[in-house]
Amino acid sequence: MRIALSQLTTGPEPGKNLDLIKEWTARAADTGADVVVFPEASMACFGTSLAPLAEPLDGPWADAVRAIAEAAGITVVAGLFTPAPGGRVTNTLLATGRGVEATYDKIHLYDAFGFAESDTVAAGSRVVTIDVDGVRLGLATCYDVRFPELFRAHADAGATATLLAASWGAGPGKVDQWELLVRARALDATLWVAAVDQADPAASGTAATAGAAPTGVGHSMLVGPDGTVRRRLGAEPELTVVEVDADEVAAVRKNIPVLANRRLGESR
């Protein structure tokens, strides 16, 4: 399977971000990619007032992404915000095109490093996988990467890879943590992890949002089921296409059967 990692920087205007998604989806399709993964907050960057921008899943922004995917003949995975009770929103991944139609609502909210995502975002509760041309893929978002249970749930559901969309927060040591966590999750679940972050706004020539809002650091990567980095991007906007091999997952799980060897200790 060929997966395009689409590391771009989105701004506060959903219409302009949609133009980027259209352009980069066409580029991914031209390379022969089966799936193109965009970052978390593809609809509008963090630091924006999200509730006024949020739209339902049958709204014009999501429908435009569906039309883009259909025209390109590719599965598109992109982050948007949908309305939630109490004036909050849901941080949602939409996966659409090529026979796929699914959504994943971010389970683990980023209440860390001085930012409180839960103030404005409602948490999801469902583990979601999709099937693209017979290959099963799990969906995850940003802060989820700190929770190995989700990635193991993808593996238990038969996933070959997890698609991880992010808008990673900047700060001392955060790029190192990003790589460490992505590699660890691949090893925990012995699956591929295609991790796509927002490009660093500074490297994009875009002014970063003031405050603690996570706006991306770049360094998207593909990590193999043995925890090795197979492709790594820098901080600037870039699109790259990687290949995911289901047979390699089977081989690694035979040699390192951590999923089969799991045991739960007794609580006291």
C-alpha atoms as a PDB file:
ATOM      1  CA  MET A   1       0.000   0.000   0.000  1.00  0.00           C
ATOM      2  CA  ARG A   2       1.256   3.494  -0.896  1.00  0.00           C
ATOM      3  CA  ILE A   3       0.508   6.199   1.671  1.00  0.00           C
ATOM      4  CA  ALA A   4       1.161   9.911   1.130  1.00  0.00           C
ATOM      5  CA  LEU A   5       2.284  11.854   4.194  1.00  0.00           C
ATOM      6  CA  SER A   6       1.016  15.392   3.609  1.00  0.00           C
ATOM      7  CA  GLN A   7       2.894  17.664   6.025  1.00  0.00           C
ATOM      8  CA  LEU A   8       1.450  21.125   5.512  1.00  0.00           C
ATOM      9  CA  THR A   9       0.598  24.138   7.649  1.00  0.00           C
ATOM     10  CA  THR A  10      -3.050  25.112   7.940  1.00  0.00           C
ATOM     11  CA  GLY A  11      -4.308  28.530   8.976  1.00  0.00           C
ATOM     12  CA  PRO A  12      -7.488  29.822  10.593  1.00  0.00           C
ATOM     13  CA  GLU A  13      -9.611  29.930   7.399  1.00  0.00           C
ATOM     14  CA  PRO A  14     -11.311  26.620   6.448  1.00  0.00           C
ATOM     15  CA  GLY A  15     -11.802  27.665   2.819  1.00  0.00           C
ATOM     16  CA  LYS A  16      -8.109  28.327   2.224  1.00  0.00           C
ATOM     17  CA  ASN A  17      -7.204  25.087   3.986  1.00  0.00           C
ATOM     18  CA  LEU A  18      -9.610  23.235   1.716  1.00  0.00           C
ATOM     19  CA  ASP A  19      -7.745  24.623  -1.292  1.00  0.00           C
ATOM     20  CA  LEU A  20      -4.522  23.178   0.151  1.00  0.00           C
ATOM     21  CA  ILE A  21      -6.156  19.785   0.659  1.00  0.00           C
ATOM     22  CA  LYS A  22      -7.383  19.786  -2.934  1.00  0.00           C
ATOM     23  CA  GLU A  23      -3.941  20.684  -4.293  1.00  0.00           C
ATOM     24  CA  TRP A  24      -2.017  18.199  -2.140  1.00  0.00           C
ATOM     25  CA  THR A  25      -4.523  15.391  -2.741  1.00  0.00           C
ATOM     26  CA  ALA A  26      -4.043  15.803  -6.486  1.00  0.00           C
ATOM     27  CA  ARG A  27      -0.272  15.657  -5.988  1.00  0.00           C
ATOM     28  CA  ALA A  28      -0.613  12.476  -3.904  1.00  0.00           C
ATOM     29  CA  ALA A  29      -2.864  10.848  -6.506  1.00  0.00           C
ATOM     30  CA  ASP A  30      -0.374  11.710  -9.258  1.00  0.00           C
ATOM     31  CA  THR A  31       2.265   9.665  -7.391  1.00  0.00           C
ATOM     32  CA  GLY A  32      -0.019   6.617  -7.299  1.00  0.00           C
ATOM     33  CA  ALA A  33      -0.782   6.831  -3.571  1.00  0.00           C
ATOM     34  CA  ASP A  34      -3.746   4.843  -2.272  1.00  0.00           C
ATOM     35  CA  VAL A  35      -4.200   7.009   0.821  1.00  0.00           C
ATOM     36  CA  VAL A  36      -3.233  10.581   1.653  1.00  0.00           C
ATOM     37  CA  VAL A  37      -3.034  11.582   5.325  1.00  0.00           C
ATOM     38  CA  PHE A  38      -3.334  15.221   6.370  1.00  0.00           C
ATOM     39  CA  PRO A  39      -2.589  16.559   9.857  1.00  0.00           C
ATOM     40  CA  GLU A  40      -4.902  17.091  12.778  1.00  0.00           C
ATOM     41  CA  ALA A  41      -6.712  20.453  12.537  1.00  0.00           C
ATOM     42  CA  SER A  42      -6.642  20.440   8.740  1.00  0.00           C
ATOM     43  CA  MET A  43      -9.881  22.424   8.785  1.00  0.00           C
ATOM     44  CA  ALA A  44      -8.466  25.224  10.976  1.00  0.00           C
ATOM     45  CA  CYS A  45      -5.354  25.526  13.103  1.00  0.00           C
ATOM     46  CA  PHE A  46      -5.408  25.498  16.886  1.00  0.00           C
ATOM     47  CA  GLY A  47      -5.404  28.946  18.426  1.00  0.00           C
ATOM     48  CA  THR A  48      -8.495  29.731  16.340  1.00  0.00           C
ATOM     49  CA  SER A  49     -11.941  30.033  17.924  1.00  0.00           C
ATOM     50  CA  LEU A  50     -13.174  26.587  16.891  1.00  0.00           C
ATOM     51  CA  ALA A  51     -16.868  26.548  17.844  1.00  0.00           C
ATOM     52  CA  PRO A  52     -17.937  29.137  15.215  1.00  0.00           C
ATOM     53  CA  LEU A  53     -16.092  27.159  12.508  1.00  0.00           C
ATOM     54  CA  ALA A  54     -17.298  23.671  13.431  1.00  0.00           C
ATOM     55  CA  GLU A  55     -19.599  21.939  10.937  1.00  0.00           C
ATOM     56  CA  PRO A  56     -21.554  18.674  11.010  1.00  0.00           C
ATOM     57  CA  LEU A  57     -20.240  15.680   9.107  1.00  0.00           C
ATOM     58  CA  ASP A  58     -22.776  16.342   6.347  1.00  0.00           C
ATOM     59  CA  GLY A  59     -21.764  20.007   6.176  1.00  0.00           C
ATOM     60  CA  PRO A  60     -20.107  21.774   3.241  1.00  0.00           C
ATOM     61  CA  TRP A  61     -16.493  21.396   4.413  1.00  0.00           C
ATOM     62  CA  ALA A  62     -16.683  17.618   4.887  1.00  0.00           C
ATOM     63  CA  ASP A  63     -18.667  17.246   1.670  1.00  0.00           C
ATOM     64  CA  ALA A  64     -15.966  19.167  -0.183  1.00  0.00           C
ATOM     65  CA  VAL A  65     -13.320  16.757   1.150  1.00  0.00           C
ATOM     66  CA  ARG A  66     -15.480  13.844  -0.062  1.00  0.00           C
ATOM     67  CA  ALA A  67     -15.677  15.405  -3.517  1.00  0.00           C
ATOM     68  CA  ILE A  68     -11.899  15.925  -3.573  1.00  0.00           C
ATOM     69  CA  ALA A  69     -11.305  12.280  -2.648  1.00  0.00           C
ATOM     70  CA  GLU A  70     -13.773  11.030  -5.248  1.00  0.00           C
ATOM     71  CA  ALA A  71     -12.288  13.162  -8.012  1.00  0.00           C
ATOM     72  CA  ALA A  72      -8.766  11.963  -7.208  1.00  0.00           C
ATOM     73  CA  GLY A  73      -9.714   8.310  -6.714  1.00  0.00           C
ATOM     74  CA  ILE A  74      -7.891   8.175  -3.374  1.00  0.00           C
ATOM     75  CA  THR A  75      -8.725   7.785   0.328  1.00  0.00           C
ATOM     76  CA  VAL A  76      -8.306  11.109   2.142  1.00  0.00           C
ATOM     77  CA  VAL A  77      -7.809  11.322   5.913  1.00  0.00           C
ATOM     78  CA  ALA A  78      -8.105  14.864   7.284  1.00  0.00           C
ATOM     79  CA  GLY A  79      -8.832  16.530  10.622  1.00  0.00           C
ATOM     80  CA  LEU A  80     -11.858  18.742  11.159  1.00  0.00           C
ATOM     81  CA  PHE A  81     -14.013  20.023  14.001  1.00  0.00           C
ATOM     82  CA  THR A  82     -17.656  19.049  14.433  1.00  0.00           C
ATOM     83  CA  PRO A  83     -20.184  20.530  16.879  1.00  0.00           C
ATOM     84  CA  ALA A  84     -20.524  18.954  20.334  1.00  0.00           C
ATOM     85  CA  PRO A  85     -22.890  19.659  23.253  1.00  0.00           C
ATOM     86  CA  GLY A  86     -22.253  22.569  25.582  1.00  0.00           C
ATOM     87  CA  GLY A  87     -20.662  24.813  22.977  1.00  0.00           C
ATOM     88  CA  ARG A  88     -17.637  22.558  22.550  1.00  0.00           C
ATOM     89  CA  VAL A  89     -16.459  20.768  19.406  1.00  0.00           C
ATOM     90  CA  THR A  90     -15.235  17.276  18.595  1.00  0.00           C
ATOM     91  CA  ASN A  91     -11.746  16.812  17.175  1.00  0.00           C
ATOM     92  CA  THR A  92     -12.590  14.469  14.310  1.00  0.00           C
ATOM     93  CA  LEU A  93     -10.689  12.607  11.607  1.00  0.00           C
ATOM     94  CA  LEU A  94     -12.668  12.072   8.413  1.00  0.00           C
ATOM     95  CA  ALA A  95     -11.597   9.146   6.228  1.00  0.00           C
ATOM     96  CA  THR A  96     -13.340   9.155   2.873  1.00  0.00           C
ATOM     97  CA  GLY A  97     -12.964   7.949  -0.697  1.00  0.00           C
ATOM     98  CA  ARG A  98     -12.115   4.717  -2.476  1.00  0.00           C
ATOM     99  CA  GLY A  99     -14.961   2.862  -0.797  1.00  0.00           C
ATOM    100  CA  VAL A 100     -14.192   4.270   2.671  1.00  0.00           C
ATOM    101  CA  GLU A 101     -16.456   6.462   4.799  1.00  0.00           C
ATOM    102  CA  ALA A 102     -15.569   6.649   8.502  1.00  0.00           C
ATOM    103  CA  THR A 103     -14.863   9.111  11.298  1.00  0.00           C
ATOM    104  CA  TYR A 104     -12.735   8.944  14.419  1.00  0.00           C
ATOM    105  CA  ASP A 105     -13.228  11.332  17.350  1.00  0.00           C
ATOM    106  CA  LYS A 106     -10.027  11.949  19.317  1.00  0.00           C
ATOM    107  CA  ILE A 107     -10.157   9.979  22.558  1.00  0.00           C
ATOM    108  CA  HIS A 108      -7.243  11.466  24.519  1.00  0.00           C
ATOM    109  CA  LEU A 109      -7.415  15.251  24.836  1.00  0.00           C
ATOM    110  CA  TYR A 110      -4.299  17.382  25.127  1.00  0.00           C
ATOM    111  CA  ASP A 111      -4.480  18.734  28.654  1.00  0.00           C
ATOM    112  CA  ALA A 112      -0.731  19.136  29.075  1.00  0.00           C
ATOM    113  CA  PHE A 113       2.152  21.591  28.703  1.00  0.00           C
ATOM    114  CA  GLY A 114      -0.089  24.527  29.631  1.00  0.00           C
ATOM    115  CA  PHE A 115      -2.832  23.788  27.079  1.00  0.00           C
ATOM    116  CA  ALA A 116      -6.301  22.478  27.975  1.00  0.00           C
ATOM    117  CA  GLU A 117      -7.929  20.976  24.898  1.00  0.00           C
ATOM    118  CA  SER A 118     -10.820  19.688  27.009  1.00  0.00           C
ATOM    119  CA  ASP A 119     -11.947  23.271  27.693  1.00  0.00           C
ATOM    120  CA  THR A 120     -13.252  23.467  24.125  1.00  0.00           C
ATOM    121  CA  VAL A 121     -13.205  19.872  22.820  1.00  0.00           C
ATOM    122  CA  ALA A 122     -15.320  16.858  23.794  1.00  0.00           C
ATOM    123  CA  ALA A 123     -13.562  13.483  23.942  1.00  0.00           C
ATOM    124  CA  GLY A 124     -14.449  10.547  21.720  1.00  0.00           C
ATOM    125  CA  SER A 125     -14.778   6.953  22.916  1.00  0.00           C
ATOM    126  CA  ARG A 126     -14.628   4.610  19.867  1.00  0.00           C
ATOM    127  CA  VAL A 127     -11.640   2.783  18.444  1.00  0.00           C
ATOM    128  CA  VAL A 128     -11.888   3.079  14.649  1.00  0.00           C
ATOM    129  CA  THR A 129     -10.246   1.146  11.823  1.00  0.00           C
ATOM    130  CA  ILE A 130     -10.814   1.405   8.083  1.00  0.00           C
ATOM    131  CA  ASP A 131     -10.205  -1.016   5.216  1.00  0.00           C
ATOM    132  CA  VAL A 132      -8.539   0.311   2.064  1.00  0.00           C
ATOM    133  CA  ASP A 133      -8.155  -2.223  -0.743  1.00  0.00           C
ATOM    134  CA  GLY A 134      -8.125  -5.070   1.786  1.00  0.00           C
ATOM    135  CA  VAL A 135      -5.590  -3.444   4.143  1.00  0.00           C
ATOM    136  CA  ARG A 136      -6.839  -2.490   7.617  1.00  0.00           C
ATOM    137  CA  LEU A 137      -5.654   0.829   9.066  1.00  0.00           C
ATOM    138  CA  GLY A 138      -6.252   2.315  12.520  1.00  0.00           C
ATOM    139  CA  LEU A 139      -6.957   6.004  13.105  1.00  0.00           C
ATOM    140  CA  ALA A 140      -5.363   8.085  15.877  1.00  0.00           C
ATOM    141  CA  THR A 141      -4.823  11.757  16.643  1.00  0.00           C
ATOM    142  CA  CYS A 142      -1.809  13.528  18.180  1.00  0.00           C
ATOM    143  CA  TYR A 143      -1.915  13.130  22.007  1.00  0.00           C
ATOM    144  CA  ASP A 144      -3.251   9.588  21.470  1.00  0.00           C
ATOM    145  CA  VAL A 145       0.383   8.654  20.743  1.00  0.00           C
ATOM    146  CA  ARG A 146       1.109   8.745  24.488  1.00  0.00           C
ATOM    147  CA  PHE A 147      -1.369   5.906  25.108  1.00  0.00           C
ATOM    148  CA  PRO A 148      -0.191   2.494  23.853  1.00  0.00           C
ATOM    149  CA  GLU A 149      -3.544   0.822  24.521  1.00  0.00           C
ATOM    150  CA  LEU A 150      -5.106   2.472  21.479  1.00  0.00           C
ATOM    151  CA  PHE A 151      -2.419   1.223  19.098  1.00  0.00           C
ATOM    152  CA  ARG A 152      -2.668  -2.284  20.532  1.00  0.00           C
ATOM    153  CA  ALA A 153      -6.434  -2.095  20.020  1.00  0.00           C
ATOM    154  CA  HIS A 154      -5.757  -1.348  16.349  1.00  0.00           C
ATOM    155  CA  ALA A 155      -3.502  -4.398  16.148  1.00  0.00           C
ATOM    156  CA  ASP A 156      -6.104  -6.552  17.914  1.00  0.00           C
ATOM    157  CA  ALA A 157      -8.630  -5.398  15.311  1.00  0.00           C
ATOM    158  CA  GLY A 158      -6.352  -6.642  12.539  1.00  0.00           C
ATOM    159  CA  ALA A 159      -4.677  -3.384  11.523  1.00  0.00           C
ATOM    160  CA  THR A 160      -1.445  -3.425   9.556  1.00  0.00           C
ATOM    161  CA  ALA A 161      -0.783   0.262  10.252  1.00  0.00           C
ATOM    162  CA  THR A 162      -1.986   3.215  12.294  1.00  0.00           C
ATOM    163  CA  LEU A 163      -2.495   6.565  10.592  1.00  0.00           C
ATOM    164  CA  LEU A 164      -1.598   9.215  13.183  1.00  0.00           C
ATOM    165  CA  ALA A 165      -2.598  12.812  12.379  1.00  0.00           C
ATOM    166  CA  ALA A 166      -1.092  15.469  14.626  1.00  0.00           C
ATOM    167  CA  SER A 167      -0.593  19.129  15.382  1.00  0.00           C
ATOM    168  CA  TRP A 168       2.248  18.641  17.838  1.00  0.00           C
ATOM    169  CA  GLY A 169       3.046  21.316  20.396  1.00  0.00           C
ATOM    170  CA  ALA A 170       6.444  22.993  20.211  1.00  0.00           C
ATOM    171  CA  GLY A 171       8.863  23.332  23.108  1.00  0.00           C
ATOM    172  CA  PRO A 172      12.130  22.034  24.543  1.00  0.00           C
ATOM    173  CA  GLY A 173      12.561  18.355  23.775  1.00  0.00           C
ATOM    174  CA  LYS A 174       9.197  18.015  22.048  1.00  0.00           C
ATOM    175  CA  VAL A 175      10.578  16.878  18.665  1.00  0.00           C
ATOM    176  CA  ASP A 176      12.589  14.171  20.418  1.00  0.00           C
ATOM    177  CA  GLN A 177       9.491  13.087  22.352  1.00  0.00           C
ATOM    178  CA  TRP A 178       7.480  12.939  19.135  1.00  0.00           C
ATOM    179  CA  GLU A 179       9.923  10.532  17.477  1.00  0.00           C
ATOM    180  CA  LEU A 180      10.385   8.468  20.638  1.00  0.00           C
ATOM    181  CA  LEU A 181       6.631   8.040  21.119  1.00  0.00           C
ATOM    182  CA  VAL A 182       5.870   7.204  17.489  1.00  0.00           C
ATOM    183  CA  ARG A 183       8.611   4.582  17.440  1.00  0.00           C
ATOM    184  CA  ALA A 184       7.485   3.149  20.775  1.00  0.00           C
ATOM    185  CA  ARG A 185       3.884   2.785  19.622  1.00  0.00           C
ATOM    186  CA  ALA A 186       5.025   0.918  16.509  1.00  0.00           C
ATOM    187  CA  LEU A 187       6.981  -1.478  18.724  1.00  0.00           C
ATOM    188  CA  ASP A 188       4.186  -1.816  21.301  1.00  0.00           C
ATOM    189  CA  ALA A 189       1.730  -2.995  18.668  1.00  0.00           C
ATOM    190  CA  THR A 190       4.180  -4.308  16.042  1.00  0.00           C
ATOM    191  CA  LEU A 191       2.509  -2.357  13.266  1.00  0.00           C
ATOM    192  CA  TRP A 192       3.463   0.433  10.887  1.00  0.00           C
ATOM    193  CA  VAL A 193       2.831   3.985  12.108  1.00  0.00           C
ATOM    194  CA  ALA A 194       2.405   6.713   9.492  1.00  0.00           C
ATOM    195  CA  ALA A 195       2.633   9.877  11.599  1.00  0.00           C
ATOM    196  CA  VAL A 196       1.723  13.149   9.878  1.00  0.00           C
ATOM    197  CA  ASP A 197       2.253  16.406  11.760  1.00  0.00           C
ATOM    198  CA  GLN A 198       1.546  19.998  10.829  1.00  0.00           C
ATOM    199  CA  ALA A 199       4.664  21.609   9.397  1.00  0.00           C
ATOM    200  CA  ASP A 200       6.399  24.119  11.662  1.00  0.00           C
ATOM    201  CA  PRO A 201       4.684  27.483  10.980  1.00  0.00           C
ATOM    202  CA  ALA A 202       8.033  29.268  11.064  1.00  0.00           C
ATOM    203  CA  ALA A 203       9.414  26.924   8.402  1.00  0.00           C
ATOM    204  CA  SER A 204       6.269  27.578   6.356  1.00  0.00           C
ATOM    205  CA  GLY A 205       6.737  31.344   6.504  1.00  0.00           C
ATOM    206  CA  THR A 206       3.571  31.579   8.609  1.00  0.00           C
ATOM    207  CA  ALA A 207       3.252  33.404  11.899  1.00  0.00           C
ATOM    208  CA  ALA A 208       2.616  30.946  14.730  1.00  0.00           C
ATOM    209  CA  THR A 209      -0.505  31.416  16.836  1.00  0.00           C
ATOM    210  CA  ALA A 210       0.242  33.159  20.099  1.00  0.00           C
ATOM    211  CA  GLY A 211       0.011  31.216  23.346  1.00  0.00           C
ATOM    212  CA  ALA A 212       0.297  27.509  24.098  1.00  0.00           C
ATOM    213  CA  ALA A 213      -1.791  26.293  21.151  1.00  0.00           C
ATOM    214  CA  PRO A 214      -0.134  23.311  19.419  1.00  0.00           C
ATOM    215  CA  THR A 215       0.534  24.321  15.821  1.00  0.00           C
ATOM    216  CA  GLY A 216       2.989  21.645  14.698  1.00  0.00           C
ATOM    217  CA  VAL A 217       6.716  21.047  14.537  1.00  0.00           C
ATOM    218  CA  GLY A 218       6.897  18.954  11.356  1.00  0.00           C
ATOM    219  CA  HIS A 219       9.094  15.826  11.422  1.00  0.00           C
ATOM    220  CA  SER A 220       6.394  13.532  10.061  1.00  0.00           C
ATOM    221  CA  MET A 221       7.628   9.963   9.673  1.00  0.00           C
ATOM    222  CA  LEU A 222       6.911   6.396   8.720  1.00  0.00           C
ATOM    223  CA  VAL A 223       8.019   3.864  11.335  1.00  0.00           C
ATOM    224  CA  GLY A 224       8.163   0.135  10.660  1.00  0.00           C
ATOM    225  CA  PRO A 225       6.703  -2.570  12.922  1.00  0.00           C
ATOM    226  CA  ASP A 226      10.211  -3.140  14.295  1.00  0.00           C
ATOM    227  CA  GLY A 227      10.406   0.472  15.506  1.00  0.00           C
ATOM    228  CA  THR A 228      12.851   1.708  12.865  1.00  0.00           C
ATOM    229  CA  VAL A 229      12.273   5.011  11.094  1.00  0.00           C
ATOM    230  CA  ARG A 230      11.871   4.350   7.364  1.00  0.00           C
ATOM    231  CA  ARG A 231      11.161   7.925   6.261  1.00  0.00           C
ATOM    232  CA  ARG A 232      11.572  11.188   8.158  1.00  0.00           C
ATOM    233  CA  LEU A 233      10.690  14.717   7.061  1.00  0.00           C
ATOM    234  CA  GLY A 234      12.083  18.013   8.285  1.00  0.00           C
ATOM    235  CA  ALA A 235      10.211  21.007   9.670  1.00  0.00           C
ATOM    236  CA  GLU A 236       9.014  22.560   6.404  1.00  0.00           C
ATOM    237  CA  PRO A 237       5.947  21.651   4.301  1.00  0.00           C
ATOM    238  CA  GLU A 238       6.519  18.513   2.270  1.00  0.00           C
ATOM    239  CA  LEU A 239       4.621  15.631   0.693  1.00  0.00           C
ATOM    240  CA  THR A 240       6.220  12.206   0.506  1.00  0.00           C
ATOM    241  CA  VAL A 241       4.892   8.783  -0.453  1.00  0.00           C
ATOM    242  CA  VAL A 242       5.807   5.678   1.530  1.00  0.00           C
ATOM    243  CA  GLU A 243       5.051   1.988   1.156  1.00  0.00           C
ATOM    244  CA  VAL A 244       3.552  -0.218   3.873  1.00  0.00           C
ATOM    245  CA  ASP A 245       4.042  -3.991   3.647  1.00  0.00           C
ATOM    246  CA  ALA A 246       1.592  -6.259   5.493  1.00  0.00           C
ATOM    247  CA  ASP A 247       3.958  -9.217   5.152  1.00  0.00           C
ATOM    248  CA  GLU A 248       6.580  -7.418   7.213  1.00  0.00           C
ATOM    249  CA  VAL A 249       4.082  -7.037  10.060  1.00  0.00           C
ATOM    250  CA  ALA A 250       3.520 -10.797  10.089  1.00  0.00           C
ATOM    251  CA  ALA A 251       7.269 -11.451  10.078  1.00  0.00           C
ATOM    252  CA  VAL A 252       7.965  -9.050  12.961  1.00  0.00           C
ATOM    253  CA  ARG A 253       5.112 -10.476  15.023  1.00  0.00           C
ATOM    254  CA  LYS A 254       6.534 -13.960  14.544  1.00  0.00           C
ATOM    255  CA  ASN A 255       9.941 -12.848  15.842  1.00  0.00           C
ATOM    256  CA  ILE A 256       8.680 -10.452  18.541  1.00  0.00           C
ATOM    257  CA  PRO A 257       5.295 -11.843  19.676  1.00  0.00           C
ATOM    258  CA  VAL A 258       4.577  -9.124  22.228  1.00  0.00           C
ATOM    259  CA  LEU A 259       0.857  -9.147  21.454  1.00  0.00           C
ATOM    260  CA  ALA A 260       0.594 -12.902  21.951  1.00  0.00           C
ATOM    261  CA  ASN A 261       2.767 -12.757  25.098  1.00  0.00           C
ATOM    262  CA  ARG A 262       0.680 -10.142  26.915  1.00  0.00           C
ATOM    263  CA  ARG A 263      -0.362 -11.030  30.465  1.00  0.00           C
ATOM    264  CA  LEU A 264      -2.326  -9.026  33.008  1.00  0.00           C
ATOM    265  CA  GLY A 265      -1.036  -9.181  36.567  1.00  0.00           C
ATOM    266  CA  GLU A 266      -3.394  -9.513  39.519  1.00  0.00           C
ATOM    267  CA  SER A 267      -4.457  -6.340  41.318  1.00  0.00           C
ATOM    268  CA  ARG A 268      -4.150  -6.299  45.089  1.00  0.00           C
END
